[in-house]
Amino acid sequence: MSALLEWSGCAYSQTYSKCNRTNCQLLLPYFERCQISNSFSEDLYNWQAFLIDFLPLVRRTIQRHGFVLDHIGYYSNALRPWIAARERLAPFVIRRDPRDISRIFVLAPEREAYVEVPYRMVQRPAMTLWEHRESVRRLRQEGAAKVDEAAIFRTMEKMREITQTAAARTKAARRRQARLEAALSATAPQVPRVPAMSPEPPVAEETRFQAIPFDDIEEWEHGR
């Protein structure tokens, strides 16, 4: 939050071409005091509204029970004065964060400030805009006779259960495969390594001998 305040302080200071590290540090205590007291000076930009201004925008008229956006109801006691005067009020500027549509930010018509409005049924879980749209798409694909808030949340919860089950099965499959590989490697027969045999020396060809005649031969007489 402090980094956000510092960035906002720099953005404000740049309006007067005086933004530097010292100016930002000087502005931080002022932002923090304004945040604690929930009040901002008229000459200082509302940093929260500045950030909300970047969220997607829709326009809706206020109903007896608050606002309805894409089949989801939103209500807060802060809306009572507007509900009483709803016949005379123009459509409201409403912004919401696609990452969490459990609340909306309604721009007050009489002042430049946003009012945070939660689900009308606050016990419902937070939901992303993608989950909401996917739930509506599945309901229509299945031929649902009516797409309402209760059906959307039931479908969203089923989708989350399917995702969690698939993730658990994937993890379990990886664990089983790891155990199988470990067991097979542990029980695999150990094949002794045969040392490499040195090549046999080449066999020399058989030496050929020639008979050498005797020089002196003694002759023996028969009967001697």
C-alpha atoms as a PDB file:
ATOM      1  CA  MET A   1       0.000   0.000   0.000  1.00  0.00           C
ATOM      2  CA  SER A   2       2.811   2.412   0.775  1.00  0.00           C
ATOM      3  CA  ALA A   3       4.256   1.834  -2.698  1.00  0.00           C
ATOM      4  CA  LEU A   4       0.840   2.562  -4.197  1.00  0.00           C
ATOM      5  CA  LEU A   5       0.563   5.765  -2.193  1.00  0.00           C
ATOM      6  CA  GLU A   6       4.023   6.807  -3.290  1.00  0.00           C
ATOM      7  CA  TRP A   7       3.173   6.170  -6.923  1.00  0.00           C
ATOM      8  CA  SER A   8      -0.057   8.155  -6.565  1.00  0.00           C
ATOM      9  CA  GLY A   9       1.842  10.983  -4.939  1.00  0.00           C
ATOM     10  CA  CYS A  10       4.234  11.082  -7.858  1.00  0.00           C
ATOM     11  CA  ALA A  11       1.330  11.104 -10.312  1.00  0.00           C
ATOM     12  CA  TYR A  12      -0.142  14.101  -8.490  1.00  0.00           C
ATOM     13  CA  SER A  13       3.161  15.911  -8.343  1.00  0.00           C
ATOM     14  CA  GLN A  14       3.778  15.436 -12.045  1.00  0.00           C
ATOM     15  CA  THR A  15       0.797  17.691 -12.699  1.00  0.00           C
ATOM     16  CA  TYR A  16       3.000  20.538 -11.503  1.00  0.00           C
ATOM     17  CA  SER A  17       6.256  19.085 -12.935  1.00  0.00           C
ATOM     18  CA  LYS A  18       7.691  18.735  -9.455  1.00  0.00           C
ATOM     19  CA  CYS A  19       7.818  14.988  -9.071  1.00  0.00           C
ATOM     20  CA  ASN A  20      11.002  13.686  -7.521  1.00  0.00           C
ATOM     21  CA  ARG A  21      11.880  11.292  -4.763  1.00  0.00           C
ATOM     22  CA  THR A  22      11.816  13.973  -2.076  1.00  0.00           C
ATOM     23  CA  ASN A  23       8.394  15.272  -3.110  1.00  0.00           C
ATOM     24  CA  CYS A  24       6.944  11.761  -3.102  1.00  0.00           C
ATOM     25  CA  GLN A  25       8.260  11.121   0.384  1.00  0.00           C
ATOM     26  CA  LEU A  26       6.796  14.402   1.575  1.00  0.00           C
ATOM     27  CA  LEU A  27       3.396  13.506   0.138  1.00  0.00           C
ATOM     28  CA  LEU A  28       3.252  10.022   1.663  1.00  0.00           C
ATOM     29  CA  PRO A  29       2.348  11.113   5.217  1.00  0.00           C
ATOM     30  CA  TYR A  30      -0.447  13.256   3.818  1.00  0.00           C
ATOM     31  CA  PHE A  31      -1.886  10.349   1.841  1.00  0.00           C
ATOM     32  CA  GLU A  32      -1.685   8.087   4.873  1.00  0.00           C
ATOM     33  CA  ARG A  33      -3.487  10.603   7.074  1.00  0.00           C
ATOM     34  CA  CYS A  34      -6.197  11.002   4.446  1.00  0.00           C
ATOM     35  CA  GLN A  35      -6.575   7.240   4.224  1.00  0.00           C
ATOM     36  CA  ILE A  36      -6.999   6.886   8.000  1.00  0.00           C
ATOM     37  CA  SER A  37      -9.491   9.744   8.258  1.00  0.00           C
ATOM     38  CA  ASN A  38     -11.257   8.637   5.043  1.00  0.00           C
ATOM     39  CA  SER A  39     -11.223  12.201   3.759  1.00  0.00           C
ATOM     40  CA  PHE A  40      -9.255  13.878   1.023  1.00  0.00           C
ATOM     41  CA  SER A  41      -8.535  17.514   0.467  1.00  0.00           C
ATOM     42  CA  GLU A  42     -10.210  19.033  -2.554  1.00  0.00           C
ATOM     43  CA  ASP A  43      -6.854  19.924  -4.053  1.00  0.00           C
ATOM     44  CA  LEU A  44      -5.594  16.333  -3.875  1.00  0.00           C
ATOM     45  CA  TYR A  45      -6.742  13.594  -6.204  1.00  0.00           C
ATOM     46  CA  ASN A  46      -8.624  10.643  -4.670  1.00  0.00           C
ATOM     47  CA  TRP A  47      -6.129   7.833  -5.292  1.00  0.00           C
ATOM     48  CA  GLN A  48      -8.696   5.064  -4.801  1.00  0.00           C
ATOM     49  CA  ALA A  49     -11.069   6.599  -7.334  1.00  0.00           C
ATOM     50  CA  PHE A  50      -8.109   7.050  -9.648  1.00  0.00           C
ATOM     51  CA  LEU A  51      -7.458   3.292  -9.618  1.00  0.00           C
ATOM     52  CA  ILE A  52     -11.137   2.350  -9.866  1.00  0.00           C
ATOM     53  CA  ASP A  53     -11.446   4.560 -12.943  1.00  0.00           C
ATOM     54  CA  PHE A  54      -9.386   1.985 -14.840  1.00  0.00           C
ATOM     55  CA  LEU A  55     -11.895  -0.849 -14.213  1.00  0.00           C
ATOM     56  CA  PRO A  56     -14.489  -1.805 -16.872  1.00  0.00           C
ATOM     57  CA  LEU A  57     -17.573   0.395 -16.867  1.00  0.00           C
ATOM     58  CA  VAL A  58     -21.281  -0.359 -17.212  1.00  0.00           C
ATOM     59  CA  ARG A  59     -24.367   1.790 -16.649  1.00  0.00           C
ATOM     60  CA  ARG A  60     -27.384   0.544 -14.735  1.00  0.00           C
ATOM     61  CA  THR A  61     -30.475   2.097 -13.205  1.00  0.00           C
ATOM     62  CA  ILE A  62     -31.079   1.435  -9.533  1.00  0.00           C
ATOM     63  CA  GLN A  63     -33.973  -0.868  -8.655  1.00  0.00           C
ATOM     64  CA  ARG A  64     -36.006  -1.390  -5.526  1.00  0.00           C
ATOM     65  CA  HIS A  65     -33.527  -3.967  -4.239  1.00  0.00           C
ATOM     66  CA  GLY A  66     -30.349  -2.311  -5.492  1.00  0.00           C
ATOM     67  CA  PHE A  67     -28.485  -3.093  -8.683  1.00  0.00           C
ATOM     68  CA  VAL A  68     -28.570  -6.165 -10.905  1.00  0.00           C
ATOM     69  CA  LEU A  69     -25.590  -6.907 -13.160  1.00  0.00           C
ATOM     70  CA  ASP A  70     -25.721 -10.003 -15.342  1.00  0.00           C
ATOM     71  CA  HIS A  71     -28.275 -11.757 -13.111  1.00  0.00           C
ATOM     72  CA  ILE A  72     -26.322 -10.976  -9.898  1.00  0.00           C
ATOM     73  CA  GLY A  73     -27.876  -8.706  -7.273  1.00  0.00           C
ATOM     74  CA  TYR A  74     -25.954  -6.083  -5.291  1.00  0.00           C
ATOM     75  CA  TYR A  75     -27.198  -4.140  -2.298  1.00  0.00           C
ATOM     76  CA  SER A  76     -25.962  -1.911   0.505  1.00  0.00           C
ATOM     77  CA  ASN A  77     -27.682   0.296   3.062  1.00  0.00           C
ATOM     78  CA  ALA A  78     -25.856   3.209   1.464  1.00  0.00           C
ATOM     79  CA  LEU A  79     -28.178   2.824  -1.522  1.00  0.00           C
ATOM     80  CA  ARG A  80     -31.359   3.630   0.387  1.00  0.00           C
ATOM     81  CA  PRO A  81     -31.453   7.363  -0.438  1.00  0.00           C
ATOM     82  CA  TRP A  82     -30.953   6.589  -4.114  1.00  0.00           C
ATOM     83  CA  ILE A  83     -33.577   3.839  -4.072  1.00  0.00           C
ATOM     84  CA  ALA A  84     -36.087   6.302  -2.626  1.00  0.00           C
ATOM     85  CA  ALA A  85     -35.328   8.765  -5.428  1.00  0.00           C
ATOM     86  CA  ARG A  86     -34.789   6.176  -8.168  1.00  0.00           C
ATOM     87  CA  GLU A  87     -37.514   7.565 -10.427  1.00  0.00           C
ATOM     88  CA  ARG A  88     -35.603  10.835 -10.783  1.00  0.00           C
ATOM     89  CA  LEU A  89     -32.069   9.462 -11.111  1.00  0.00           C
ATOM     90  CA  ALA A  90     -30.238   8.703 -14.320  1.00  0.00           C
ATOM     91  CA  PRO A  91     -28.382   5.395 -14.818  1.00  0.00           C
ATOM     92  CA  PHE A  92     -25.398   5.060 -12.506  1.00  0.00           C
ATOM     93  CA  VAL A  93     -21.797   4.578 -13.553  1.00  0.00           C
ATOM     94  CA  ILE A  94     -20.724   1.205 -12.154  1.00  0.00           C
ATOM     95  CA  ARG A  95     -17.320  -0.415 -12.287  1.00  0.00           C
ATOM     96  CA  ARG A  96     -16.218  -3.885 -11.220  1.00  0.00           C
ATOM     97  CA  ASP A  97     -13.001  -5.852 -11.077  1.00  0.00           C
ATOM     98  CA  PRO A  98     -13.148  -8.884 -13.430  1.00  0.00           C
ATOM     99  CA  ARG A  99     -11.010 -10.841 -10.952  1.00  0.00           C
ATOM    100  CA  ASP A 100     -13.655 -10.521  -8.227  1.00  0.00           C
ATOM    101  CA  ILE A 101     -17.233  -9.548  -9.038  1.00  0.00           C
ATOM    102  CA  SER A 102     -18.446 -10.025  -5.453  1.00  0.00           C
ATOM    103  CA  ARG A 103     -18.547  -6.238  -5.192  1.00  0.00           C
ATOM    104  CA  ILE A 104     -19.145  -3.287  -7.478  1.00  0.00           C
ATOM    105  CA  PHE A 105     -18.142   0.362  -7.269  1.00  0.00           C
ATOM    106  CA  VAL A 106     -20.981   2.817  -7.855  1.00  0.00           C
ATOM    107  CA  LEU A 107     -20.174   6.416  -8.660  1.00  0.00           C
ATOM    108  CA  ALA A 108     -22.266   8.687  -6.454  1.00  0.00           C
ATOM    109  CA  PRO A 109     -24.248  11.175  -8.561  1.00  0.00           C
ATOM    110  CA  GLU A 110     -23.811  14.080  -6.157  1.00  0.00           C
ATOM    111  CA  ARG A 111     -20.070  13.787  -5.550  1.00  0.00           C
ATOM    112  CA  GLU A 112     -16.950  12.410  -7.195  1.00  0.00           C
ATOM    113  CA  ALA A 113     -16.626   9.313  -5.054  1.00  0.00           C
ATOM    114  CA  TYR A 114     -17.327   5.614  -5.402  1.00  0.00           C
ATOM    115  CA  VAL A 115     -19.509   3.568  -3.072  1.00  0.00           C
ATOM    116  CA  GLU A 116     -18.574  -0.088  -2.657  1.00  0.00           C
ATOM    117  CA  VAL A 117     -21.612  -2.348  -2.892  1.00  0.00           C
ATOM    118  CA  PRO A 118     -21.380  -6.104  -2.150  1.00  0.00           C
ATOM    119  CA  TYR A 119     -23.557  -9.016  -3.208  1.00  0.00           C
ATOM    120  CA  ARG A 120     -27.140  -8.715  -2.008  1.00  0.00           C
ATOM    121  CA  MET A 121     -26.625 -12.222  -0.616  1.00  0.00           C
ATOM    122  CA  VAL A 122     -23.295 -11.663   1.068  1.00  0.00           C
ATOM    123  CA  GLN A 123     -22.862 -15.355   1.955  1.00  0.00           C
ATOM    124  CA  ARG A 124     -22.203 -16.255  -1.648  1.00  0.00           C
ATOM    125  CA  PRO A 125     -18.567 -16.918  -2.601  1.00  0.00           C
ATOM    126  CA  ALA A 126     -16.481 -14.543  -4.671  1.00  0.00           C
ATOM    127  CA  MET A 127     -16.445 -15.233  -8.390  1.00  0.00           C
ATOM    128  CA  THR A 128     -14.423 -14.119 -11.360  1.00  0.00           C
ATOM    129  CA  LEU A 129     -16.108 -12.641 -14.397  1.00  0.00           C
ATOM    130  CA  TRP A 130     -14.781 -15.556 -16.462  1.00  0.00           C
ATOM    131  CA  GLU A 131     -16.449 -18.076 -14.119  1.00  0.00           C
ATOM    132  CA  HIS A 132     -19.695 -16.129 -14.355  1.00  0.00           C
ATOM    133  CA  ARG A 133     -19.699 -16.068 -18.148  1.00  0.00           C
ATOM    134  CA  GLU A 134     -18.733 -19.732 -18.386  1.00  0.00           C
ATOM    135  CA  SER A 135     -21.545 -20.669 -15.981  1.00  0.00           C
ATOM    136  CA  VAL A 136     -24.088 -18.745 -18.047  1.00  0.00           C
ATOM    137  CA  ARG A 137     -22.765 -20.349 -21.239  1.00  0.00           C
ATOM    138  CA  ARG A 138     -23.069 -23.853 -19.785  1.00  0.00           C
ATOM    139  CA  LEU A 139     -26.575 -23.219 -18.513  1.00  0.00           C
ATOM    140  CA  ARG A 140     -27.703 -22.070 -21.931  1.00  0.00           C
ATOM    141  CA  GLN A 141     -25.876 -24.929 -23.605  1.00  0.00           C
ATOM    142  CA  GLU A 142     -27.703 -27.397 -21.346  1.00  0.00           C
ATOM    143  CA  GLY A 143     -30.999 -25.775 -22.295  1.00  0.00           C
ATOM    144  CA  ALA A 144     -31.814 -24.312 -18.882  1.00  0.00           C
ATOM    145  CA  ALA A 145     -35.281 -22.823 -18.851  1.00  0.00           C
ATOM    146  CA  LYS A 146     -34.173 -19.950 -16.639  1.00  0.00           C
ATOM    147  CA  VAL A 147     -30.784 -18.392 -15.991  1.00  0.00           C
ATOM    148  CA  ASP A 148     -30.811 -16.793 -12.566  1.00  0.00           C
ATOM    149  CA  GLU A 149     -28.410 -16.049  -9.753  1.00  0.00           C
ATOM    150  CA  ALA A 150     -28.934 -19.323  -7.903  1.00  0.00           C
ATOM    151  CA  ALA A 151     -28.364 -21.403 -11.053  1.00  0.00           C
ATOM    152  CA  ILE A 152     -25.200 -19.456 -11.887  1.00  0.00           C
ATOM    153  CA  PHE A 153     -23.656 -20.103  -8.482  1.00  0.00           C
ATOM    154  CA  ARG A 154     -24.635 -23.786  -8.539  1.00  0.00           C
ATOM    155  CA  THR A 155     -22.964 -24.192 -11.915  1.00  0.00           C
ATOM    156  CA  MET A 156     -19.893 -22.298 -10.755  1.00  0.00           C
ATOM    157  CA  GLU A 157     -19.530 -24.563  -7.715  1.00  0.00           C
ATOM    158  CA  LYS A 158     -19.832 -27.666  -9.927  1.00  0.00           C
ATOM    159  CA  MET A 159     -17.150 -26.296 -12.224  1.00  0.00           C
ATOM    160  CA  ARG A 160     -14.852 -25.718  -9.272  1.00  0.00           C
ATOM    161  CA  GLU A 161     -15.454 -29.241  -7.973  1.00  0.00           C
ATOM    162  CA  ILE A 162     -14.613 -30.702 -11.377  1.00  0.00           C
ATOM    163  CA  THR A 163     -11.445 -28.643 -11.537  1.00  0.00           C
ATOM    164  CA  GLN A 164     -10.378 -29.638  -8.031  1.00  0.00           C
ATOM    165  CA  THR A 165     -11.100 -33.324  -8.689  1.00  0.00           C
ATOM    166  CA  ALA A 166      -9.140 -33.258 -11.936  1.00  0.00           C
ATOM    167  CA  ALA A 167      -6.227 -31.549 -10.214  1.00  0.00           C
ATOM    168  CA  ALA A 168      -6.279 -34.136  -7.396  1.00  0.00           C
ATOM    169  CA  ARG A 169      -6.370 -36.996  -9.890  1.00  0.00           C
ATOM    170  CA  THR A 170      -3.477 -35.538 -11.811  1.00  0.00           C
ATOM    171  CA  LYS A 171      -1.425 -35.236  -8.639  1.00  0.00           C
ATOM    172  CA  ALA A 172      -2.381 -38.766  -7.573  1.00  0.00           C
ATOM    173  CA  ALA A 173      -1.445 -40.123 -11.012  1.00  0.00           C
ATOM    174  CA  ARG A 174       1.949 -38.424 -10.825  1.00  0.00           C
ATOM    175  CA  ARG A 175       2.521 -39.858  -7.353  1.00  0.00           C
ATOM    176  CA  ARG A 176       1.526 -43.380  -8.485  1.00  0.00           C
ATOM    177  CA  GLN A 177       3.829 -43.167 -11.473  1.00  0.00           C
ATOM    178  CA  ALA A 178       6.709 -41.989  -9.278  1.00  0.00           C
ATOM    179  CA  ARG A 179       6.114 -44.847  -6.810  1.00  0.00           C
ATOM    180  CA  LEU A 180       5.941 -47.355  -9.662  1.00  0.00           C
ATOM    181  CA  GLU A 181       9.184 -46.153 -11.182  1.00  0.00           C
ATOM    182  CA  ALA A 182      10.896 -46.196  -7.782  1.00  0.00           C
ATOM    183  CA  ALA A 183       9.664 -49.737  -7.080  1.00  0.00           C
ATOM    184  CA  LEU A 184      10.705 -51.044 -10.471  1.00  0.00           C
ATOM    185  CA  SER A 185      14.145 -49.509 -10.234  1.00  0.00           C
ATOM    186  CA  ALA A 186      14.609 -50.912  -6.709  1.00  0.00           C
ATOM    187  CA  THR A 187      13.599 -54.459  -7.652  1.00  0.00           C
ATOM    188  CA  ALA A 188      15.243 -54.632 -11.053  1.00  0.00           C
ATOM    189  CA  PRO A 189      17.900 -57.415 -11.220  1.00  0.00           C
ATOM    190  CA  GLN A 190      21.389 -56.129 -11.046  1.00  0.00           C
ATOM    191  CA  VAL A 191      23.286 -57.372 -14.111  1.00  0.00           C
ATOM    192  CA  PRO A 192      26.974 -57.778 -13.275  1.00  0.00           C
ATOM    193  CA  ARG A 193      29.218 -55.827 -15.442  1.00  0.00           C
ATOM    194  CA  VAL A 194      31.592 -57.949 -17.517  1.00  0.00           C
ATOM    195  CA  PRO A 195      34.999 -56.366 -17.752  1.00  0.00           C
ATOM    196  CA  ALA A 196      36.082 -55.642 -21.245  1.00  0.00           C
ATOM    197  CA  MET A 197      38.376 -58.311 -22.615  1.00  0.00           C
ATOM    198  CA  SER A 198      41.641 -57.223 -24.076  1.00  0.00           C
ATOM    199  CA  PRO A 199      42.047 -58.408 -27.647  1.00  0.00           C
ATOM    200  CA  GLU A 200      44.012 -61.647 -28.053  1.00  0.00           C
ATOM    201  CA  PRO A 201      47.483 -61.235 -29.479  1.00  0.00           C
ATOM    202  CA  PRO A 202      47.701 -62.324 -33.092  1.00  0.00           C
ATOM    203  CA  VAL A 203      48.787 -65.930 -33.531  1.00  0.00           C
ATOM    204  CA  ALA A 204      52.062 -66.140 -35.397  1.00  0.00           C
ATOM    205  CA  GLU A 205      52.147 -68.396 -38.370  1.00  0.00           C
ATOM    206  CA  GLU A 206      53.609 -71.872 -37.767  1.00  0.00           C
ATOM    207  CA  THR A 207      57.342 -71.884 -38.400  1.00  0.00           C
ATOM    208  CA  ARG A 208      58.404 -74.288 -41.151  1.00  0.00           C
ATOM    209  CA  PHE A 209      61.540 -76.365 -40.547  1.00  0.00           C
ATOM    210  CA  GLN A 210      63.673 -77.861 -43.321  1.00  0.00           C
ATOM    211  CA  ALA A 211      65.677 -81.059 -42.854  1.00  0.00           C
ATOM    212  CA  ILE A 212      69.419 -80.443 -42.944  1.00  0.00           C
ATOM    213  CA  PRO A 213      71.520 -83.452 -44.259  1.00  0.00           C
ATOM    214  CA  PHE A 214      74.309 -84.815 -42.118  1.00  0.00           C
ATOM    215  CA  ASP A 215      77.799 -84.290 -43.364  1.00  0.00           C
ATOM    216  CA  ASP A 216      79.335 -87.493 -41.918  1.00  0.00           C
ATOM    217  CA  ILE A 217      77.387 -90.709 -41.958  1.00  0.00           C
ATOM    218  CA  GLU A 218      78.865 -93.742 -40.329  1.00  0.00           C
ATOM    219  CA  GLU A 219      78.028 -96.943 -42.124  1.00  0.00           C
ATOM    220  CA  TRP A 220      77.457-100.151 -40.107  1.00  0.00           C
ATOM    221  CA  GLU A 221      78.097-103.581 -41.505  1.00  0.00           C
ATOM    222  CA  HIS A 222      75.438-106.188 -41.043  1.00  0.00           C
ATOM    223  CA  GLY A 223      76.302-108.792 -38.449  1.00  0.00           C
ATOM    224  CA  ARG A 224      79.028-106.707 -36.915  1.00  0.00           C
END
